[in-house]
PDB file of N, CA and C in Angstrom:
ATOM      1  N   MET A   1       0.844  -1.179   0.000  1.00  0.00           N
ATOM      2  CA  MET A   1       0.000   0.000   0.000  1.00  0.00           C
ATOM      3  C   MET A   1       0.888   1.240   0.000  1.00  0.00           C
ATOM      4  N   ALA A   2       0.722   2.042  -1.000  1.00  0.00           N
ATOM      5  CA  ALA A   2       1.620   3.167  -1.213  1.00  0.00           C
ATOM      6  C   ALA A   2       1.273   4.399  -0.386  1.00  0.00           C
ATOM      7  N   ASN A   3       0.044   4.538   0.023  1.00  0.00           N
ATOM      8  CA  ASN A   3      -0.386   5.719   0.760  1.00  0.00           C
ATOM      9  C   ASN A   3      -0.272   5.453   2.251  1.00  0.00           C
ATOM     10  N   GLN A   4       0.616   6.209   2.916  1.00  0.00           N
ATOM     11  CA  GLN A   4       0.880   5.971   4.328  1.00  0.00           C
ATOM     12  C   GLN A   4       0.913   7.278   5.095  1.00  0.00           C
ATOM     13  N   LEU A   5       0.586   7.178   6.383  1.00  0.00           N
ATOM     14  CA  LEU A   5       0.666   8.322   7.267  1.00  0.00           C
ATOM     15  C   LEU A   5       0.983   7.817   8.664  1.00  0.00           C
ATOM     16  N   GLN A   6       1.914   8.489   9.324  1.00  0.00           N
ATOM     17  CA  GLN A   6       2.263   8.166  10.706  1.00  0.00           C
ATOM     18  C   GLN A   6       1.996   9.392  11.565  1.00  0.00           C
ATOM     19  N   ILE A   7       1.303   9.174  12.678  1.00  0.00           N
ATOM     20  CA  ILE A   7       0.923  10.268  13.570  1.00  0.00           C
ATOM     21  C   ILE A   7       1.387   9.930  14.974  1.00  0.00           C
ATOM     22  N   SER A   8       1.864  10.932  15.706  1.00  0.00           N
ATOM     23  CA  SER A   8       2.157  10.747  17.125  1.00  0.00           C
ATOM     24  C   SER A   8       1.381  11.810  17.898  1.00  0.00           C
ATOM     25  N   VAL A   9       0.711  11.353  18.954  1.00  0.00           N
ATOM     26  CA  VAL A   9      -0.121  12.243  19.760  1.00  0.00           C
ATOM     27  C   VAL A   9       0.398  12.206  21.193  1.00  0.00           C
ATOM     28  N   PRO A  10       0.857  13.341  21.727  1.00  0.00           N
ATOM     29  CA  PRO A  10       1.323  13.358  23.114  1.00  0.00           C
ATOM     30  C   PRO A  10       0.150  13.484  24.087  1.00  0.00           C
ATOM     31  N   PHE A  11       0.266  12.791  25.202  1.00  0.00           N
ATOM     32  CA  PHE A  11      -0.706  12.888  26.288  1.00  0.00           C
ATOM     33  C   PHE A  11       0.040  13.321  27.544  1.00  0.00           C
ATOM     34  N   PRO A  12      -0.658  13.841  28.539  1.00  0.00           N
ATOM     35  CA  PRO A  12       0.021  14.288  29.766  1.00  0.00           C
ATOM     36  C   PRO A  12       0.776  13.176  30.492  1.00  0.00           C
ATOM     37  N   ASN A  13       0.286  11.928  30.338  1.00  0.00           N
ATOM     38  CA  ASN A  13       0.977  10.807  30.977  1.00  0.00           C
ATOM     39  C   ASN A  13       0.651   9.510  30.230  1.00  0.00           C
ATOM     40  N   ALA A  14       1.385   8.458  30.566  1.00  0.00           N
ATOM     41  CA  ALA A  14       1.234   7.174  29.873  1.00  0.00           C
ATOM     42  C   ALA A  14      -0.139   6.551  30.124  1.00  0.00           C
ATOM     43  N   ALA A  15      -0.707   6.765  31.303  1.00  0.00           N
ATOM     44  CA  ALA A  15      -2.016   6.188  31.613  1.00  0.00           C
ATOM     45  C   ALA A  15      -3.100   6.732  30.675  1.00  0.00           C
ATOM     46  N   LEU A  16      -3.064   8.024  30.409  1.00  0.00           N
ATOM     47  CA  LEU A  16      -4.049   8.611  29.493  1.00  0.00           C
ATOM     48  C   LEU A  16      -3.820   8.139  28.060  1.00  0.00           C
ATOM     49  N   ALA A  17      -2.579   7.966  27.673  1.00  0.00           N
ATOM     50  CA  ALA A  17      -2.283   7.432  26.345  1.00  0.00           C
ATOM     51  C   ALA A  17      -2.838   6.018  26.207  1.00  0.00           C
ATOM     52  N   GLN A  18      -2.722   5.207  27.260  1.00  0.00           N
ATOM     53  CA  GLN A  18      -3.266   3.843  27.237  1.00  0.00           C
ATOM     54  C   GLN A  18      -4.794   3.858  27.164  1.00  0.00           C
ATOM     55  N   ILE A  19      -5.416   4.773  27.885  1.00  0.00           N
ATOM     56  CA  ILE A  19      -6.879   4.886  27.823  1.00  0.00           C
ATOM     57  C   ILE A  19      -7.318   5.229  26.398  1.00  0.00           C
ATOM     58  N   ALA A  20      -6.637   6.172  25.780  1.00  0.00           N
ATOM     59  CA  ALA A  20      -6.961   6.549  24.399  1.00  0.00           C
ATOM     60  C   ALA A  20      -6.778   5.359  23.464  1.00  0.00           C
ATOM     61  N   LEU A  21      -5.692   4.621  23.633  1.00  0.00           N
ATOM     62  CA  LEU A  21      -5.440   3.446  22.789  1.00  0.00           C
ATOM     63  C   LEU A  21      -6.565   2.436  22.926  1.00  0.00           C
ATOM     64  N   LYS A  22      -6.936   2.113  24.148  1.00  0.00           N
ATOM     65  CA  LYS A  22      -7.996   1.120  24.370  1.00  0.00           C
ATOM     66  C   LYS A  22      -9.336   1.595  23.824  1.00  0.00           C
ATOM     67  N   THR A  23      -9.611   2.867  23.973  1.00  0.00           N
ATOM     68  CA  THR A  23     -10.879   3.417  23.496  1.00  0.00           C
ATOM     69  C   THR A  23     -10.931   3.425  21.973  1.00  0.00           C
ATOM     70  N   LEU A  24      -9.864   3.859  21.339  1.00  0.00           N
ATOM     71  CA  LEU A  24      -9.844   3.972  19.875  1.00  0.00           C
ATOM     72  C   LEU A  24      -9.649   2.633  19.180  1.00  0.00           C
ATOM     73  N   SER A  25      -9.167   1.637  19.888  1.00  0.00           N
ATOM     74  CA  SER A  25      -8.950   0.318  19.292  1.00  0.00           C
ATOM     75  C   SER A  25     -10.245  -0.434  19.048  1.00  0.00           C
ATOM     76  N   VAL A  26     -11.309  -0.002  19.673  1.00  0.00           N
ATOM     77  CA  VAL A  26     -12.597  -0.688  19.527  1.00  0.00           C
ATOM     78  C   VAL A  26     -13.107  -0.592  18.095  1.00  0.00           C
ATOM     79  N   ASP A  27     -12.927   0.560  17.459  1.00  0.00           N
ATOM     80  CA  ASP A  27     -13.412   0.759  16.085  1.00  0.00           C
ATOM     81  C   ASP A  27     -12.414   0.198  15.089  1.00  0.00           C
ATOM     82  N   ARG A  28     -12.836  -0.809  14.366  1.00  0.00           N
ATOM     83  CA  ARG A  28     -12.003  -1.411  13.322  1.00  0.00           C
ATOM     84  C   ARG A  28     -12.309  -0.745  11.983  1.00  0.00           C
ATOM     85  N   GLU A  29     -11.352  -0.817  11.084  1.00  0.00           N
ATOM     86  CA  GLU A  29     -11.558  -0.275   9.745  1.00  0.00           C
ATOM     87  C   GLU A  29     -12.538  -1.161   8.984  1.00  0.00           C
ATOM     88  N   LEU A  30     -13.450  -0.531   8.245  1.00  0.00           N
ATOM     89  CA  LEU A  30     -14.463  -1.285   7.512  1.00  0.00           C
ATOM     90  C   LEU A  30     -13.889  -2.012   6.302  1.00  0.00           C
ATOM     91  N   LYS A  31     -12.907  -1.435   5.666  1.00  0.00           N
ATOM     92  CA  LYS A  31     -12.305  -2.038   4.474  1.00  0.00           C
ATOM     93  C   LYS A  31     -10.898  -2.511   4.820  1.00  0.00           C
ATOM     94  N   SER A  32     -10.815  -3.533   5.648  1.00  0.00           N
ATOM     95  CA  SER A  32      -9.516  -3.981   6.145  1.00  0.00           C
ATOM     96  C   SER A  32      -8.614  -4.525   5.045  1.00  0.00           C
ATOM     97  N   ASP A  33      -9.171  -4.893   3.910  1.00  0.00           N
ATOM     98  CA  ASP A  33      -8.338  -5.345   2.796  1.00  0.00           C
ATOM     99  C   ASP A  33      -7.689  -4.175   2.065  1.00  0.00           C
ATOM    100  N   GLN A  34      -8.231  -2.968   2.246  1.00  0.00           N
ATOM    101  CA  GLN A  34      -7.714  -1.789   1.563  1.00  0.00           C
ATOM    102  C   GLN A  34      -7.073  -0.778   2.506  1.00  0.00           C
ATOM    103  N   LEU A  35      -7.274  -0.977   3.800  1.00  0.00           N
ATOM    104  CA  LEU A  35      -6.806  -0.004   4.774  1.00  0.00           C
ATOM    105  C   LEU A  35      -6.351  -0.704   6.046  1.00  0.00           C
ATOM    106  N   GLN A  36      -5.194  -0.297   6.533  1.00  0.00           N
ATOM    107  CA  GLN A  36      -4.673  -0.851   7.782  1.00  0.00           C
ATOM    108  C   GLN A  36      -4.358   0.294   8.729  1.00  0.00           C
ATOM    109  N   ARG A  37      -4.672   0.072  10.019  1.00  0.00           N
ATOM    110  CA  ARG A  37      -4.348   1.048  11.050  1.00  0.00           C
ATOM    111  C   ARG A  37      -3.750   0.292  12.227  1.00  0.00           C
ATOM    112  N   GLU A  38      -2.565   0.688  12.618  1.00  0.00           N
ATOM    113  CA  GLU A  38      -1.897   0.082  13.764  1.00  0.00           C
ATOM    114  C   GLU A  38      -1.618   1.174  14.782  1.00  0.00           C
ATOM    115  N   MET A  39      -1.896   0.865  16.057  1.00  0.00           N
ATOM    116  CA  MET A  39      -1.678   1.834  17.121  1.00  0.00           C
ATOM    117  C   MET A  39      -0.841   1.201  18.220  1.00  0.00           C
ATOM    118  N   ARG A  40      -0.065   2.058  18.879  1.00  0.00           N
ATOM    119  CA  ARG A  40       0.744   1.606  20.005  1.00  0.00           C
ATOM    120  C   ARG A  40       1.038   2.806  20.903  1.00  0.00           C
ATOM    121  N   VAL A  41       1.378   2.500  22.146  1.00  0.00           N
ATOM    122  CA  VAL A  41       1.767   3.534  23.092  1.00  0.00           C
ATOM    123  C   VAL A  41       3.224   3.317  23.463  1.00  0.00           C
ATOM    124  N   GLU A  42       3.976   4.393  23.433  1.00  0.00           N
ATOM    125  CA  GLU A  42       5.361   4.398  23.903  1.00  0.00           C
ATOM    126  C   GLU A  42       5.503   5.622  24.800  1.00  0.00           C
ATOM    127  N   GLY A  43       5.751   5.358  26.079  1.00  0.00           N
ATOM    128  CA  GLY A  43       5.808   6.464  27.029  1.00  0.00           C
ATOM    129  C   GLY A  43       4.449   7.121  27.133  1.00  0.00           C
ATOM    130  N   HIS A  44       4.408   8.429  26.947  1.00  0.00           N
ATOM    131  CA  HIS A  44       3.130   9.137  26.990  1.00  0.00           C
ATOM    132  C   HIS A  44       2.632   9.531  25.592  1.00  0.00           C
ATOM    133  N   TYR A  45       3.146   8.835  24.569  1.00  0.00           N
ATOM    134  CA  TYR A  45       2.743   9.093  23.184  1.00  0.00           C
ATOM    135  C   TYR A  45       1.910   7.948  22.639  1.00  0.00           C
ATOM    136  N   LEU A  46       0.859   8.304  21.898  1.00  0.00           N
ATOM    137  CA  LEU A  46       0.078   7.354  21.123  1.00  0.00           C
ATOM    138  C   LEU A  46       0.552   7.483  19.678  1.00  0.00           C
ATOM    139  N   TYR A  47       0.989   6.376  19.103  1.00  0.00           N
ATOM    140  CA  TYR A  47       1.448   6.358  17.715  1.00  0.00           C
ATOM    141  C   TYR A  47       0.422   5.619  16.866  1.00  0.00           C
ATOM    142  N   ILE A  48       0.090   6.206  15.719  1.00  0.00           N
ATOM    143  CA  ILE A  48      -0.860   5.601  14.803  1.00  0.00           C
ATOM    144  C   ILE A  48      -0.225   5.550  13.426  1.00  0.00           C
ATOM    145  N   ASP A  49      -0.247   4.363  12.821  1.00  0.00           N
ATOM    146  CA  ASP A  49       0.269   4.164  11.468  1.00  0.00           C
ATOM    147  C   ASP A  49      -0.892   3.767  10.568  1.00  0.00           C
ATOM    148  N   PHE A  50      -1.119   4.553   9.530  1.00  0.00           N
ATOM    149  CA  PHE A  50      -2.163   4.271   8.551  1.00  0.00           C
ATOM    150  C   PHE A  50      -1.503   3.833   7.246  1.00  0.00           C
ATOM    151  N   LYS A  51      -2.095   2.838   6.591  1.00  0.00           N
ATOM    152  CA  LYS A  51      -1.689   2.427   5.249  1.00  0.00           C
ATOM    153  C   LYS A  51      -2.965   2.166   4.463  1.00  0.00           C
ATOM    154  N   ALA A  52      -3.063   2.771   3.268  1.00  0.00           N
ATOM    155  CA  ALA A  52      -4.284   2.636   2.474  1.00  0.00           C
ATOM    156  C   ALA A  52      -3.946   2.417   1.008  1.00  0.00           C
ATOM    157  N   SER A  53      -4.890   1.829   0.313  1.00  0.00           N
ATOM    158  CA  SER A  53      -4.688   1.564  -1.108  1.00  0.00           C
ATOM    159  C   SER A  53      -4.837   2.826  -1.953  1.00  0.00           C
ATOM    160  N   THR A  54      -5.612   3.808  -1.463  1.00  0.00           N
ATOM    161  CA  THR A  54      -5.781   5.064  -2.198  1.00  0.00           C
ATOM    162  C   THR A  54      -5.658   6.252  -1.248  1.00  0.00           C
ATOM    163  N   ALA A  55      -5.291   7.382  -1.804  1.00  0.00           N
ATOM    164  CA  ALA A  55      -5.182   8.603  -0.996  1.00  0.00           C
ATOM    165  C   ALA A  55      -6.547   9.021  -0.462  1.00  0.00           C
ATOM    166  N   ARG A  56      -7.582   8.828  -1.239  1.00  0.00           N
ATOM    167  CA  ARG A  56      -8.936   9.194  -0.807  1.00  0.00           C
ATOM    168  C   ARG A  56      -9.368   8.364   0.395  1.00  0.00           C
ATOM    169  N   LEU A  57      -9.102   7.087   0.366  1.00  0.00           N
ATOM    170  CA  LEU A  57      -9.446   6.211   1.483  1.00  0.00           C
ATOM    171  C   LEU A  57      -8.627   6.573   2.722  1.00  0.00           C
ATOM    172  N   LEU A  58      -7.365   6.910   2.529  1.00  0.00           N
ATOM    173  CA  LEU A  58      -6.515   7.339   3.641  1.00  0.00           C
ATOM    174  C   LEU A  58      -7.060   8.607   4.275  1.00  0.00           C
ATOM    175  N   ARG A  59      -7.423   9.583   3.452  1.00  0.00           N
ATOM    176  CA  ARG A  59      -7.963  10.842   3.956  1.00  0.00           C
ATOM    177  C   ARG A  59      -9.242  10.619   4.747  1.00  0.00           C
ATOM    178  N   ALA A  60     -10.134   9.816   4.232  1.00  0.00           N
ATOM    179  CA  ALA A  60     -11.402   9.560   4.919  1.00  0.00           C
ATOM    180  C   ALA A  60     -11.172   8.856   6.253  1.00  0.00           C
ATOM    181  N   SER A  61     -10.275   7.904   6.276  1.00  0.00           N
ATOM    182  CA  SER A  61      -9.997   7.171   7.510  1.00  0.00           C
ATOM    183  C   SER A  61      -9.356   8.066   8.559  1.00  0.00           C
ATOM    184  N   VAL A  62      -8.387   8.859   8.146  1.00  0.00           N
ATOM    185  CA  VAL A  62      -7.700   9.751   9.080  1.00  0.00           C
ATOM    186  C   VAL A  62      -8.669  10.812   9.609  1.00  0.00           C
ATOM    187  N   SER A  63      -9.518  11.322   8.751  1.00  0.00           N
ATOM    188  CA  SER A  63     -10.501  12.315   9.177  1.00  0.00           C
ATOM    189  C   SER A  63     -11.432  11.736  10.242  1.00  0.00           C
ATOM    190  N   GLY A  64     -11.943  10.542  10.001  1.00  0.00           N
ATOM    191  CA  GLY A  64     -12.810   9.889  10.978  1.00  0.00           C
ATOM    192  C   GLY A  64     -12.085   9.581  12.273  1.00  0.00           C
ATOM    193  N   PHE A  65     -10.827   9.177  12.142  1.00  0.00           N
ATOM    194  CA  PHE A  65     -10.032   8.880  13.331  1.00  0.00           C
ATOM    195  C   PHE A  65      -9.837  10.134  14.176  1.00  0.00           C
ATOM    196  N   PHE A  66      -9.531  11.256  13.542  1.00  0.00           N
ATOM    197  CA  PHE A  66      -9.339  12.506  14.291  1.00  0.00           C
ATOM    198  C   PHE A  66     -10.631  12.954  14.976  1.00  0.00           C
ATOM    199  N   ASP A  67     -11.767  12.730  14.326  1.00  0.00           N
ATOM    200  CA  ASP A  67     -13.042  13.041  14.977  1.00  0.00           C
ATOM    201  C   ASP A  67     -13.175  12.262  16.281  1.00  0.00           C
ATOM    202  N   MET A  68     -12.854  10.975  16.248  1.00  0.00           N
ATOM    203  CA  MET A  68     -12.945  10.139  17.448  1.00  0.00           C
ATOM    204  C   MET A  68     -11.881  10.536  18.473  1.00  0.00           C
ATOM    205  N   LEU A  69     -10.674  10.850  18.022  1.00  0.00           N
ATOM    206  CA  LEU A  69      -9.607  11.262  18.922  1.00  0.00           C
ATOM    207  C   LEU A  69      -9.987  12.549  19.672  1.00  0.00           C
ATOM    208  N   ILE A  70     -10.576  13.484  18.960  1.00  0.00           N
ATOM    209  CA  ILE A  70     -11.020  14.729  19.594  1.00  0.00           C
ATOM    210  C   ILE A  70     -12.066  14.431  20.662  1.00  0.00           C
ATOM    211  N   LEU A  71     -12.999  13.553  20.358  1.00  0.00           N
ATOM    212  CA  LEU A  71     -14.028  13.182  21.332  1.00  0.00           C
ATOM    213  C   LEU A  71     -13.410  12.531  22.566  1.00  0.00           C
ATOM    214  N   VAL A  72     -12.449  11.630  22.357  1.00  0.00           N
ATOM    215  CA  VAL A  72     -11.769  10.976  23.479  1.00  0.00           C
ATOM    216  C   VAL A  72     -11.047  12.011  24.341  1.00  0.00           C
ATOM    217  N   CYS A  73     -10.338  12.925  23.717  1.00  0.00           N
ATOM    218  CA  CYS A  73      -9.590  13.944  24.472  1.00  0.00           C
ATOM    219  C   CYS A  73     -10.524  14.877  25.234  1.00  0.00           C
ATOM    220  N   ARG A  74     -11.621  15.269  24.616  1.00  0.00           N
ATOM    221  CA  ARG A  74     -12.589  16.136  25.311  1.00  0.00           C
ATOM    222  C   ARG A  74     -13.212  15.410  26.504  1.00  0.00           C
ATOM    223  N   THR A  75     -13.503  14.135  26.341  1.00  0.00           N
ATOM    224  CA  THR A  75     -14.070  13.348  27.439  1.00  0.00           C
ATOM    225  C   THR A  75     -13.075  13.240  28.579  1.00  0.00           C
ATOM    226  N   MET A  76     -11.809  12.965  28.261  1.00  0.00           N
ATOM    227  CA  MET A  76     -10.777  12.906  29.298  1.00  0.00           C
ATOM    228  C   MET A  76     -10.676  14.242  30.028  1.00  0.00           C
ATOM    229  N   ASP A  77     -10.736  15.319  29.274  1.00  0.00           N
ATOM    230  CA  ASP A  77     -10.637  16.655  29.864  1.00  0.00           C
ATOM    231  C   ASP A  77     -11.820  16.924  30.800  1.00  0.00           C
ATOM    232  N   GLU A  78     -13.011  16.533  30.399  1.00  0.00           N
ATOM    233  CA  GLU A  78     -14.199  16.727  31.236  1.00  0.00           C
ATOM    234  C   GLU A  78     -14.079  15.924  32.536  1.00  0.00           C
ATOM    235  N   PHE A  79     -13.612  14.691  32.447  1.00  0.00           N
ATOM    236  CA  PHE A  79     -13.445  13.878  33.648  1.00  0.00           C
ATOM    237  C   PHE A  79     -12.360  14.460  34.553  1.00  0.00           C
ATOM    238  N   ALA A  80     -11.353  15.058  33.984  1.00  0.00           N
ATOM    239  CA  ALA A  80     -10.296  15.681  34.798  1.00  0.00           C
ATOM    240  C   ALA A  80     -10.869  16.862  35.585  1.00  0.00           C
ATOM    241  N   HIS A  81     -11.788  17.618  34.971  1.00  0.00           N
ATOM    242  CA  HIS A  81     -12.408  18.754  35.663  1.00  0.00           C
ATOM    243  C   HIS A  81     -13.360  18.286  36.755  1.00  0.00           C
ATOM    244  N   VAL A  82     -14.028  17.171  36.532  1.00  0.00           N
ATOM    245  CA  VAL A  82     -14.958  16.642  37.532  1.00  0.00           C
ATOM    246  C   VAL A  82     -14.205  16.121  38.750  1.00  0.00           C
ATOM    247  N   GLU A  83     -13.059  15.479  38.528  1.00  0.00           N
ATOM    248  CA  GLU A  83     -12.282  14.894  39.621  1.00  0.00           C
ATOM    249  C   GLU A  83     -11.571  15.941  40.469  1.00  0.00           C
ATOM    250  N   SER A  84     -11.272  17.098  39.897  1.00  0.00           N
ATOM    251  CA  SER A  84     -10.517  18.106  40.662  1.00  0.00           C
ATOM    252  C   SER A  84     -11.397  18.999  41.491  1.00  0.00           C
TER     253      SER A  84
END
């Protein structure tokens, strides 16, 4: 697959990065034969590797992923305000 993108997302700590990984891992790619997404945590960073058969499919997948990532981060932020 020629179309690739690698993203690293910093979190305040490794525990929050793990929560994001577990939350975002639930959604699998619908076209797994044409698109692959691998995620891992190293330290307090979440790393995401995308590989797609077309640039259009890559763009759509990354866009949807960022929508979910934003939701996860906002939820974490809301829980942080409730706990403090």
